């Protein structure tokens, strides 16, 4: 789908340049400049989209890591709280 759209855009650009060439050198140069500017804007938009996706992926990875660490800490606290008073445990065995 994306490839077809790009191919159609290239054909339109080629036709626009051909029409501008018929109008003269200045029109052709202006059309080339306009197309170059449009292509640069499109390229920048694609780059920003890739960066946004990468940032979302990193944020999700960090969230999962934080959740994992929180679960690990919670398990450690639970184990520690069970064994927090070993003397009382030993005392209860001696009764």
PDB file of N, CA and C in Angstrom:
ATOM      1  N   UNK A   1       0.829  -1.186   0.000  1.00  0.00           N
ATOM      2  CA  UNK A   1       0.000   0.000   0.000  1.00  0.00           C
ATOM      3  C   UNK A   1       0.879   1.257   0.000  1.00  0.00           C
ATOM      4  N   UNK A   2       1.851   1.295   0.897  1.00  0.00           N
ATOM      5  CA  UNK A   2       2.757   2.442   0.987  1.00  0.00           C
ATOM      6  C   UNK A   2       3.577   2.571  -0.297  1.00  0.00           C
ATOM      7  N   UNK A   3       4.037   1.444  -0.820  1.00  0.00           N
ATOM      8  CA  UNK A   3       4.855   1.452  -2.039  1.00  0.00           C
ATOM      9  C   UNK A   3       4.045   1.995  -3.220  1.00  0.00           C
ATOM     10  N   UNK A   4       2.782   1.588  -3.306  1.00  0.00           N
ATOM     11  CA  UNK A   4       1.920   2.070  -4.394  1.00  0.00           C
ATOM     12  C   UNK A   4       1.724   3.578  -4.297  1.00  0.00           C
ATOM     13  N   UNK A   5       1.542   4.069  -3.061  1.00  0.00           N
ATOM     14  CA  UNK A   5       1.350   5.507  -2.869  1.00  0.00           C
ATOM     15  C   UNK A   5       2.611   6.267  -3.274  1.00  0.00           C
ATOM     16  N   UNK A   6       3.775   5.730  -2.891  1.00  0.00           N
ATOM     17  CA  UNK A   6       5.040   6.381  -3.254  1.00  0.00           C
ATOM     18  C   UNK A   6       5.239   6.393  -4.765  1.00  0.00           C
ATOM     19  N   UNK A   7       4.898   5.272  -5.415  1.00  0.00           N
ATOM     20  CA  UNK A   7       5.035   5.210  -6.870  1.00  0.00           C
ATOM     21  C   UNK A   7       4.113   6.225  -7.548  1.00  0.00           C
ATOM     22  N   UNK A   8       2.890   6.345  -7.046  1.00  0.00           N
ATOM     23  CA  UNK A   8       1.949   7.319  -7.615  1.00  0.00           C
ATOM     24  C   UNK A   8       2.454   8.742  -7.399  1.00  0.00           C
ATOM     25  N   UNK A   9       3.028   9.001  -6.222  1.00  0.00           N
ATOM     26  CA  UNK A   9       3.562  10.338  -5.934  1.00  0.00           C
ATOM     27  C   UNK A   9       4.728  10.668  -6.864  1.00  0.00           C
ATOM     28  N   UNK A  10       5.602   9.681  -7.108  1.00  0.00           N
ATOM     29  CA  UNK A  10       6.723   9.909  -8.022  1.00  0.00           C
ATOM     30  C   UNK A  10       6.229  10.218  -9.428  1.00  0.00           C
ATOM     31  N   UNK A  11       5.199   9.502  -9.871  1.00  0.00           N
ATOM     32  CA  UNK A  11       4.646   9.754 -11.204  1.00  0.00           C
ATOM     33  C   UNK A  11       4.049  11.158 -11.275  1.00  0.00           C
ATOM     34  N   UNK A  12       3.336  11.554 -10.232  1.00  0.00           N
ATOM     35  CA  UNK A  12       2.763  12.907 -10.195  1.00  0.00           C
ATOM     36  C   UNK A  12       3.861  13.965 -10.206  1.00  0.00           C
ATOM     37  N   UNK A  13       4.918  13.737  -9.448  1.00  0.00           N
ATOM     38  CA  UNK A  13       6.040  14.679  -9.414  1.00  0.00           C
ATOM     39  C   UNK A  13       6.695  14.790 -10.788  1.00  0.00           C
ATOM     40  N   UNK A  14       6.863  13.653 -11.437  1.00  0.00           N
ATOM     41  CA  UNK A  14       7.482  13.645 -12.767  1.00  0.00           C
ATOM     42  C   UNK A  14       6.617  14.442 -13.759  1.00  0.00           C
ATOM     43  N   UNK A  15       5.306  14.219 -13.680  1.00  0.00           N
ATOM     44  CA  UNK A  15       4.394  14.950 -14.571  1.00  0.00           C
ATOM     45  C   UNK A  15       4.419  16.444 -14.275  1.00  0.00           C
ATOM     46  N   UNK A  16       4.458  16.800 -13.003  1.00  0.00           N
ATOM     47  CA  UNK A  16       4.499  18.214 -12.631  1.00  0.00           C
ATOM     48  C   UNK A  16       5.779  18.869 -13.141  1.00  0.00           C
ATOM     49  N   UNK A  17       6.898  18.159 -13.041  1.00  0.00           N
ATOM     50  CA  UNK A  17       8.162  18.706 -13.559  1.00  0.00           C
ATOM     51  C   UNK A  17       8.114  18.866 -15.076  1.00  0.00           C
ATOM     52  N   UNK A  18       7.513  17.894 -15.761  1.00  0.00           N
ATOM     53  CA  UNK A  18       7.403  17.984 -17.221  1.00  0.00           C
ATOM     54  C   UNK A  18       6.555  19.188 -17.624  1.00  0.00           C
ATOM     55  N   UNK A  19       5.441  19.392 -16.909  1.00  0.00           N
ATOM     56  CA  UNK A  19       4.585  20.548 -17.195  1.00  0.00           C
ATOM     57  C   UNK A  19       5.318  21.860 -16.904  1.00  0.00           C
ATOM     58  N   UNK A  20       6.051  21.902 -15.807  1.00  0.00           N
ATOM     59  CA  UNK A  20       6.787  23.117 -15.446  1.00  0.00           C
ATOM     60  C   UNK A  20       7.885  23.399 -16.463  1.00  0.00           C
ATOM     61  N   UNK A  21       8.498  22.347 -16.982  1.00  0.00           N
ATOM     62  CA  UNK A  21       9.565  22.528 -17.977  1.00  0.00           C
ATOM     63  C   UNK A  21       9.003  23.190 -19.244  1.00  0.00           C
ATOM     64  N   UNK A  22       7.767  22.836 -19.566  1.00  0.00           N
ATOM     65  CA  UNK A  22       7.129  23.443 -20.736  1.00  0.00           C
ATOM     66  C   UNK A  22       6.918  24.946 -20.531  1.00  0.00           C
ATOM     67  N   UNK A  23       6.736  25.347 -19.276  1.00  0.00           N
ATOM     68  CA  UNK A  23       6.477  26.754 -18.971  1.00  0.00           C
ATOM     69  C   UNK A  23       7.748  27.597 -18.935  1.00  0.00           C
ATOM     70  N   UNK A  24       8.887  26.937 -18.851  1.00  0.00           N
ATOM     71  CA  UNK A  24      10.141  27.685 -18.856  1.00  0.00           C
ATOM     72  C   UNK A  24      11.076  27.233 -17.743  1.00  0.00           C
ATOM     73  N   UNK A  25      12.301  27.767 -17.852  1.00  0.00           N
ATOM     74  CA  UNK A  25      13.354  27.367 -16.926  1.00  0.00           C
ATOM     75  C   UNK A  25      13.041  27.783 -15.485  1.00  0.00           C
ATOM     76  N   UNK A  26      12.521  28.990 -15.300  1.00  0.00           N
ATOM     77  CA  UNK A  26      12.215  29.468 -13.949  1.00  0.00           C
ATOM     78  C   UNK A  26      11.120  28.629 -13.297  1.00  0.00           C
ATOM     79  N   UNK A  27      10.086  28.299 -14.058  1.00  0.00           N
ATOM     80  CA  UNK A  27       8.990  27.476 -13.530  1.00  0.00           C
ATOM     81  C   UNK A  27       9.501  26.087 -13.171  1.00  0.00           C
ATOM     82  N   UNK A  28      10.387  25.550 -14.010  1.00  0.00           N
ATOM     83  CA  UNK A  28      10.955  24.230 -13.763  1.00  0.00           C
ATOM     84  C   UNK A  28      11.791  24.245 -12.483  1.00  0.00           C
ATOM     85  N   UNK A  29      12.600  25.270 -12.307  1.00  0.00           N
ATOM     86  CA  UNK A  29      13.437  25.396 -11.112  1.00  0.00           C
ATOM     87  C   UNK A  29      12.564  25.553  -9.860  1.00  0.00           C
ATOM     88  N   UNK A  30      11.516  26.343  -9.978  1.00  0.00           N
ATOM     89  CA  UNK A  30      10.609  26.544  -8.832  1.00  0.00           C
ATOM     90  C   UNK A  30       9.898  25.234  -8.475  1.00  0.00           C
ATOM     91  N   UNK A  31       9.485  24.489  -9.489  1.00  0.00           N
ATOM     92  CA  UNK A  31       8.804  23.211  -9.240  1.00  0.00           C
ATOM     93  C   UNK A  31       9.756  22.214  -8.585  1.00  0.00           C
ATOM     94  N   UNK A  32      10.997  22.200  -9.049  1.00  0.00           N
ATOM     95  CA  UNK A  32      11.990  21.296  -8.440  1.00  0.00           C
ATOM     96  C   UNK A  32      12.228  21.666  -6.974  1.00  0.00           C
ATOM     97  N   UNK A  33      12.305  22.958  -6.695  1.00  0.00           N
ATOM     98  CA  UNK A  33      12.521  23.416  -5.320  1.00  0.00           C
ATOM     99  C   UNK A  33      11.333  23.036  -4.438  1.00  0.00           C
ATOM    100  N   UNK A  34      10.122  23.211  -4.964  1.00  0.00           N
ATOM    101  CA  UNK A  34       8.918  22.863  -4.205  1.00  0.00           C
ATOM    102  C   UNK A  34       8.888  21.366  -3.912  1.00  0.00           C
ATOM    103  N   UNK A  35       9.205  20.554  -4.899  1.00  0.00           N
ATOM    104  CA  UNK A  35       9.206  19.099  -4.701  1.00  0.00           C
ATOM    105  C   UNK A  35      10.287  18.674  -3.699  1.00  0.00           C
ATOM    106  N   UNK A  36      11.439  19.312  -3.778  1.00  0.00           N
ATOM    107  CA  UNK A  36      12.512  18.993  -2.829  1.00  0.00           C
ATOM    108  C   UNK A  36      12.084  19.338  -1.409  1.00  0.00           C
ATOM    109  N   UNK A  37      11.407  20.473  -1.255  1.00  0.00           N
ATOM    110  CA  UNK A  37      10.935  20.886   0.067  1.00  0.00           C
ATOM    111  C   UNK A  37       9.876  19.911   0.589  1.00  0.00           C
ATOM    112  N   UNK A  38       8.968  19.483  -0.275  1.00  0.00           N
ATOM    113  CA  UNK A  38       7.939  18.514   0.125  1.00  0.00           C
ATOM    114  C   UNK A  38       8.573  17.188   0.538  1.00  0.00           C
ATOM    115  N   UNK A  39       9.567  16.741  -0.223  1.00  0.00           N
ATOM    116  CA  UNK A  39      10.236  15.480   0.097  1.00  0.00           C
ATOM    117  C   UNK A  39      10.983  15.581   1.421  1.00  0.00           C
ATOM    118  N   UNK A  40      11.591  16.723   1.685  1.00  0.00           N
ATOM    119  CA  UNK A  40      12.293  16.916   2.960  1.00  0.00           C
ATOM    120  C   UNK A  40      11.300  16.896   4.121  1.00  0.00           C
ATOM    121  N   UNK A  41      10.146  17.514   3.945  1.00  0.00           N
ATOM    122  CA  UNK A  41       9.125  17.525   4.998  1.00  0.00           C
ATOM    123  C   UNK A  41       8.597  16.114   5.243  1.00  0.00           C
ATOM    124  N   UNK A  42       8.393  15.361   4.175  1.00  0.00           N
ATOM    125  CA  UNK A  42       7.923  13.978   4.311  1.00  0.00           C
ATOM    126  C   UNK A  42       8.960  13.133   5.028  1.00  0.00           C
ATOM    127  N   UNK A  43      10.201  13.305   4.664  1.00  0.00           N
ATOM    128  CA  UNK A  43      11.288  12.562   5.298  1.00  0.00           C
ATOM    129  C   UNK A  43      11.373  12.880   6.786  1.00  0.00           C
ATOM    130  N   UNK A  44      11.245  14.152   7.124  1.00  0.00           N
ATOM    131  CA  UNK A  44      11.281  14.580   8.529  1.00  0.00           C
ATOM    132  C   UNK A  44      10.108  13.989   9.307  1.00  0.00           C
ATOM    133  N   UNK A  45       8.930  13.955   8.691  1.00  0.00           N
ATOM    134  CA  UNK A  45       7.753  13.391   9.353  1.00  0.00           C
ATOM    135  C   UNK A  45       7.944  11.893   9.617  1.00  0.00           C
ATOM    136  N   UNK A  46       8.508  11.183   8.645  1.00  0.00           N
ATOM    137  CA  UNK A  46       8.771   9.751   8.840  1.00  0.00           C
ATOM    138  C   UNK A  46       9.781   9.532   9.963  1.00  0.00           C
ATOM    139  N   UNK A  47      10.804  10.375   9.996  1.00  0.00           N
ATOM    140  CA  UNK A  47      11.823  10.268  11.036  1.00  0.00           C
ATOM    141  C   UNK A  47      11.212  10.504  12.412  1.00  0.00           C
ATOM    142  N   UNK A  48      10.371  11.509  12.527  1.00  0.00           N
ATOM    143  CA  UNK A  48       9.715  11.808  13.805  1.00  0.00           C
ATOM    144  C   UNK A  48       8.793  10.669  14.228  1.00  0.00           C
ATOM    145  N   UNK A  49       8.109  10.060  13.274  1.00  0.00           N
ATOM    146  CA  UNK A  49       7.229   8.929  13.584  1.00  0.00           C
ATOM    147  C   UNK A  49       8.041   7.741  14.114  1.00  0.00           C
ATOM    148  N   UNK A  50       9.172   7.475  13.473  1.00  0.00           N
ATOM    149  CA  UNK A  50      10.041   6.381  13.950  1.00  0.00           C
ATOM    150  C   UNK A  50      10.532   6.671  15.360  1.00  0.00           C
ATOM    151  N   UNK A  51      10.931   7.905  15.626  1.00  0.00           N
ATOM    152  CA  UNK A  51      11.403   8.277  16.962  1.00  0.00           C
ATOM    153  C   UNK A  51      10.288   8.145  18.001  1.00  0.00           C
ATOM    154  N   UNK A  52       9.065   8.514  17.616  1.00  0.00           N
ATOM    155  CA  UNK A  52       7.926   8.381  18.529  1.00  0.00           C
ATOM    156  C   UNK A  52       7.674   6.910  18.866  1.00  0.00           C
ATOM    157  N   UNK A  53       7.746   6.058  17.862  1.00  0.00           N
ATOM    158  CA  UNK A  53       7.529   4.624  18.082  1.00  0.00           C
ATOM    159  C   UNK A  53       8.617   4.055  18.982  1.00  0.00           C
ATOM    160  N   UNK A  54       9.854   4.441  18.735  1.00  0.00           N
ATOM    161  CA  UNK A  54      10.967   3.964  19.566  1.00  0.00           C
ATOM    162  C   UNK A  54      10.796   4.429  21.006  1.00  0.00           C
ATOM    163  N   UNK A  55      10.381   5.679  21.183  1.00  0.00           N
ATOM    164  CA  UNK A  55      10.168   6.209  22.541  1.00  0.00           C
ATOM    165  C   UNK A  55       9.058   5.443  23.251  1.00  0.00           C
ATOM    166  N   UNK A  56       7.977   5.122  22.537  1.00  0.00           N
ATOM    167  CA  UNK A  56       6.889   4.339  23.130  1.00  0.00           C
ATOM    168  C   UNK A  56       7.381   2.950  23.530  1.00  0.00           C
ATOM    169  N   UNK A  57       8.185   2.323  22.677  1.00  0.00           N
ATOM    170  CA  UNK A  57       8.704   0.992  22.985  1.00  0.00           C
ATOM    171  C   UNK A  57       9.607   1.031  24.211  1.00  0.00           C
ATOM    172  N   UNK A  58      10.460   2.056  24.300  1.00  0.00           N
ATOM    173  CA  UNK A  58      11.339   2.182  25.461  1.00  0.00           C
ATOM    174  C   UNK A  58      10.545   2.432  26.732  1.00  0.00           C
ATOM    175  N   UNK A  59       9.502   3.241  26.633  1.00  0.00           N
ATOM    176  CA  UNK A  59       8.666   3.515  27.807  1.00  0.00           C
ATOM    177  C   UNK A  59       7.970   2.244  28.274  1.00  0.00           C
ATOM    178  N   UNK A  60       7.471   1.449  27.344  1.00  0.00           N
ATOM    179  CA  UNK A  60       6.820   0.185  27.702  1.00  0.00           C
ATOM    180  C   UNK A  60       7.812  -0.775  28.344  1.00  0.00           C
ATOM    181  N   UNK A  61       9.015  -0.831  27.792  1.00  0.00           N
ATOM    182  CA  UNK A  61      10.047  -1.701  28.356  1.00  0.00           C
ATOM    183  C   UNK A  61      10.413  -1.262  29.779  1.00  0.00           C
ATOM    184  N   UNK A  62      10.525   0.042  29.993  1.00  0.00           N
ATOM    185  CA  UNK A  62      10.844   0.564  31.320  1.00  0.00           C
ATOM    186  C   UNK A  62       9.705   0.278  32.297  1.00  0.00           C
ATOM    187  N   UNK A  63       8.461   0.406  31.836  1.00  0.00           N
ATOM    188  CA  UNK A  63       7.315   0.116  32.693  1.00  0.00           C
ATOM    189  C   UNK A  63       7.306  -1.349  33.109  1.00  0.00           C
ATOM    190  N   UNK A  64       7.563  -2.240  32.163  1.00  0.00           N
ATOM    191  CA  UNK A  64       7.596  -3.667  32.479  1.00  0.00           C
ATOM    192  C   UNK A  64       8.731  -3.996  33.442  1.00  0.00           C
ATOM    193  N   UNK A  65       9.877  -3.365  33.247  1.00  0.00           N
ATOM    194  CA  UNK A  65      11.014  -3.595  34.143  1.00  0.00           C
ATOM    195  C   UNK A  65      10.683  -3.098  35.548  1.00  0.00           C
ATOM    196  N   UNK A  66      10.021  -1.950  35.652  1.00  0.00           N
ATOM    197  CA  UNK A  66       9.645  -1.412  36.960  1.00  0.00           C
ATOM    198  C   UNK A  66       8.633  -2.325  37.649  1.00  0.00           C
ATOM    199  N   UNK A  67       7.673  -2.839  36.889  1.00  0.00           N
ATOM    200  CA  UNK A  67       6.702  -3.765  37.468  1.00  0.00           C
ATOM    201  C   UNK A  67       7.392  -5.027  37.966  1.00  0.00           C
ATOM    202  N   UNK A  68       8.308  -5.544  37.174  1.00  0.00           N
ATOM    203  CA  UNK A  68       9.034  -6.750  37.551  1.00  0.00           C
ATOM    204  C   UNK A  68       9.840  -6.516  38.825  1.00  0.00           C
ATOM    205  N   UNK A  69      10.513  -5.386  38.890  1.00  0.00           N
ATOM    206  CA  UNK A  69      11.308  -5.063  40.071  1.00  0.00           C
ATOM    207  C   UNK A  69      10.409  -4.886  41.294  1.00  0.00           C
ATOM    208  N   UNK A  70       9.258  -4.255  41.108  1.00  0.00           N
ATOM    209  CA  UNK A  70       8.326  -4.060  42.222  1.00  0.00           C
ATOM    210  C   UNK A  70       7.836  -5.400  42.752  1.00  0.00           C
ATOM    211  N   UNK A  71       7.542  -6.328  41.854  1.00  0.00           N
ATOM    212  CA  UNK A  71       7.116  -7.670  42.285  1.00  0.00           C
ATOM    213  C   UNK A  71       8.234  -8.369  43.041  1.00  0.00           C
ATOM    214  N   UNK A  72       9.453  -8.227  42.554  1.00  0.00           N
ATOM    215  CA  UNK A  72      10.593  -8.864  43.206  1.00  0.00           C
ATOM    216  C   UNK A  72      10.788  -8.285  44.610  1.00  0.00           C
ATOM    217  N   UNK A  73      10.712  -6.953  44.726  1.00  0.00           N
ATOM    218  CA  UNK A  73      10.881  -6.296  46.027  1.00  0.00           C
ATOM    219  C   UNK A  73       9.760  -6.719  46.972  1.00  0.00           C
ATOM    220  N   UNK A  74       8.547  -6.789  46.459  1.00  0.00           N
ATOM    221  CA  UNK A  74       7.416  -7.194  47.289  1.00  0.00           C
ATOM    222  C   UNK A  74       7.613  -8.622  47.807  1.00  0.00           C
ATOM    223  N   UNK A  75       8.101  -9.493  46.954  1.00  0.00           N
ATOM    224  CA  UNK A  75       8.359 -10.871  47.382  1.00  0.00           C
ATOM    225  C   UNK A  75       9.457 -10.896  48.436  1.00  0.00           C
ATOM    226  N   UNK A  76      10.485 -10.108  48.281  1.00  0.00           N
ATOM    227  CA  UNK A  76      11.570 -10.053  49.265  1.00  0.00           C
ATOM    228  C   UNK A  76      11.065  -9.527  50.606  1.00  0.00           C
ATOM    229  N   UNK A  77      10.212  -8.500  50.568  1.00  0.00           N
ATOM    230  CA  UNK A  77       9.657  -7.931  51.794  1.00  0.00           C
ATOM    231  C   UNK A  77       8.783  -8.970  52.483  1.00  0.00           C
ATOM    232  N   UNK A  78       8.012  -9.717  51.717  1.00  0.00           N
ATOM    233  CA  UNK A  78       7.148 -10.742  52.282  1.00  0.00           C
ATOM    234  C   UNK A  78       7.984 -11.820  52.979  1.00  0.00           C
ATOM    235  N   UNK A  79       9.051 -12.250  52.331  1.00  0.00           N
ATOM    236  CA  UNK A  79       9.924 -13.265  52.931  1.00  0.00           C
ATOM    237  C   UNK A  79      10.589 -12.697  54.172  1.00  0.00           C
ATOM    238  N   UNK A  80      11.033 -11.461  54.113  1.00  0.00           N
ATOM    239  CA  UNK A  80      11.685 -10.839  55.261  1.00  0.00           C
ATOM    240  C   UNK A  80      10.716 -10.694  56.421  1.00  0.00           C
ATOM    241  N   UNK A  81       9.475 -10.293  56.132  1.00  0.00           N
ATOM    242  CA  UNK A  81       8.510 -10.111  57.210  1.00  0.00           C
ATOM    243  C   UNK A  81       8.147 -11.435  57.858  1.00  0.00           C
ATOM    244  N   UNK A  82       8.186 -12.527  57.105  1.00  0.00           N
ATOM    245  CA  UNK A  82       7.928 -13.842  57.693  1.00  0.00           C
ATOM    246  C   UNK A  82       9.055 -14.239  58.644  1.00  0.00           C
ATOM    247  N   UNK A  83      10.251 -13.833  58.322  1.00  0.00           N
ATOM    248  CA  UNK A  83      11.419 -14.206  59.122  1.00  0.00           C
ATOM    249  C   UNK A  83      11.961 -13.021  59.909  1.00  0.00           C
ATOM    250  N   UNK A  84      11.151 -12.027  60.170  1.00  0.00           N
ATOM    251  CA  UNK A  84      11.656 -10.807  60.774  1.00  0.00           C
ATOM    252  C   UNK A  84      12.042 -10.986  62.237  1.00  0.00           C
ATOM    253  N   UNK A  85      11.442 -11.918  62.913  1.00  0.00           N
ATOM    254  CA  UNK A  85      11.744 -12.090  64.332  1.00  0.00           C
ATOM    255  C   UNK A  85      12.156 -13.536  64.595  1.00  0.00           C
ATOM    256  N   UNK A  86      13.376 -13.906  64.269  1.00  0.00           N
ATOM    257  CA  UNK A  86      13.803 -15.305  64.445  1.00  0.00           C
ATOM    258  C   UNK A  86      13.855 -15.707  65.921  1.00  0.00           C
ATOM    259  N   UNK A  87      14.089 -14.747  66.823  1.00  0.00           N
ATOM    260  CA  UNK A  87      14.147 -15.085  68.250  1.00  0.00           C
ATOM    261  C   UNK A  87      12.779 -15.516  68.762  1.00  0.00           C
ATOM    262  N   UNK A  88      11.732 -14.844  68.286  1.00  0.00           N
ATOM    263  CA  UNK A  88      10.396 -15.239  68.714  1.00  0.00           C
ATOM    264  C   UNK A  88      10.075 -16.624  68.184  1.00  0.00           C
ATOM    265  N   UNK A  89      10.529 -16.924  66.987  1.00  0.00           N
ATOM    266  CA  UNK A  89      10.320 -18.252  66.411  1.00  0.00           C
ATOM    267  C   UNK A  89      11.026 -19.299  67.266  1.00  0.00           C
ATOM    268  N   UNK A  90      12.268 -19.020  67.632  1.00  0.00           N
ATOM    269  CA  UNK A  90      13.016 -19.969  68.474  1.00  0.00           C
ATOM    270  C   UNK A  90      12.366 -20.092  69.865  1.00  0.00           C
ATOM    271  N   UNK A  91      11.889 -19.005  70.399  1.00  0.00           N
ATOM    272  CA  UNK A  91      11.247 -19.010  71.712  1.00  0.00           C
ATOM    273  C   UNK A  91       9.970 -19.861  71.681  1.00  0.00           C
ATOM    274  N   UNK A  92       9.216 -19.737  70.551  1.00  0.00           N
ATOM    275  CA  UNK A  92       7.999 -20.525  70.451  1.00  0.00           C
ATOM    276  C   UNK A  92       8.296 -22.008  70.320  1.00  0.00           C
ATOM    277  N   UNK A  93       9.422 -22.365  69.810  1.00  0.00           N
ATOM    278  CA  UNK A  93       9.816 -23.768  69.720  1.00  0.00           C
ATOM    279  C   UNK A  93      10.180 -24.322  71.095  1.00  0.00           C
ATOM    280  N   UNK A  94      10.741 -23.475  71.960  1.00  0.00           N
ATOM    281  CA  UNK A  94      11.174 -23.920  73.280  1.00  0.00           C
ATOM    282  C   UNK A  94      10.024 -24.083  74.253  1.00  0.00           C
ATOM    283  N   UNK A  95       8.867 -23.573  74.040  1.00  0.00           N
ATOM    284  CA  UNK A  95       7.745 -23.658  74.971  1.00  0.00           C
ATOM    285  C   UNK A  95       7.223 -25.017  75.114  1.00  0.00           C
TER     286      UNK A  95
END
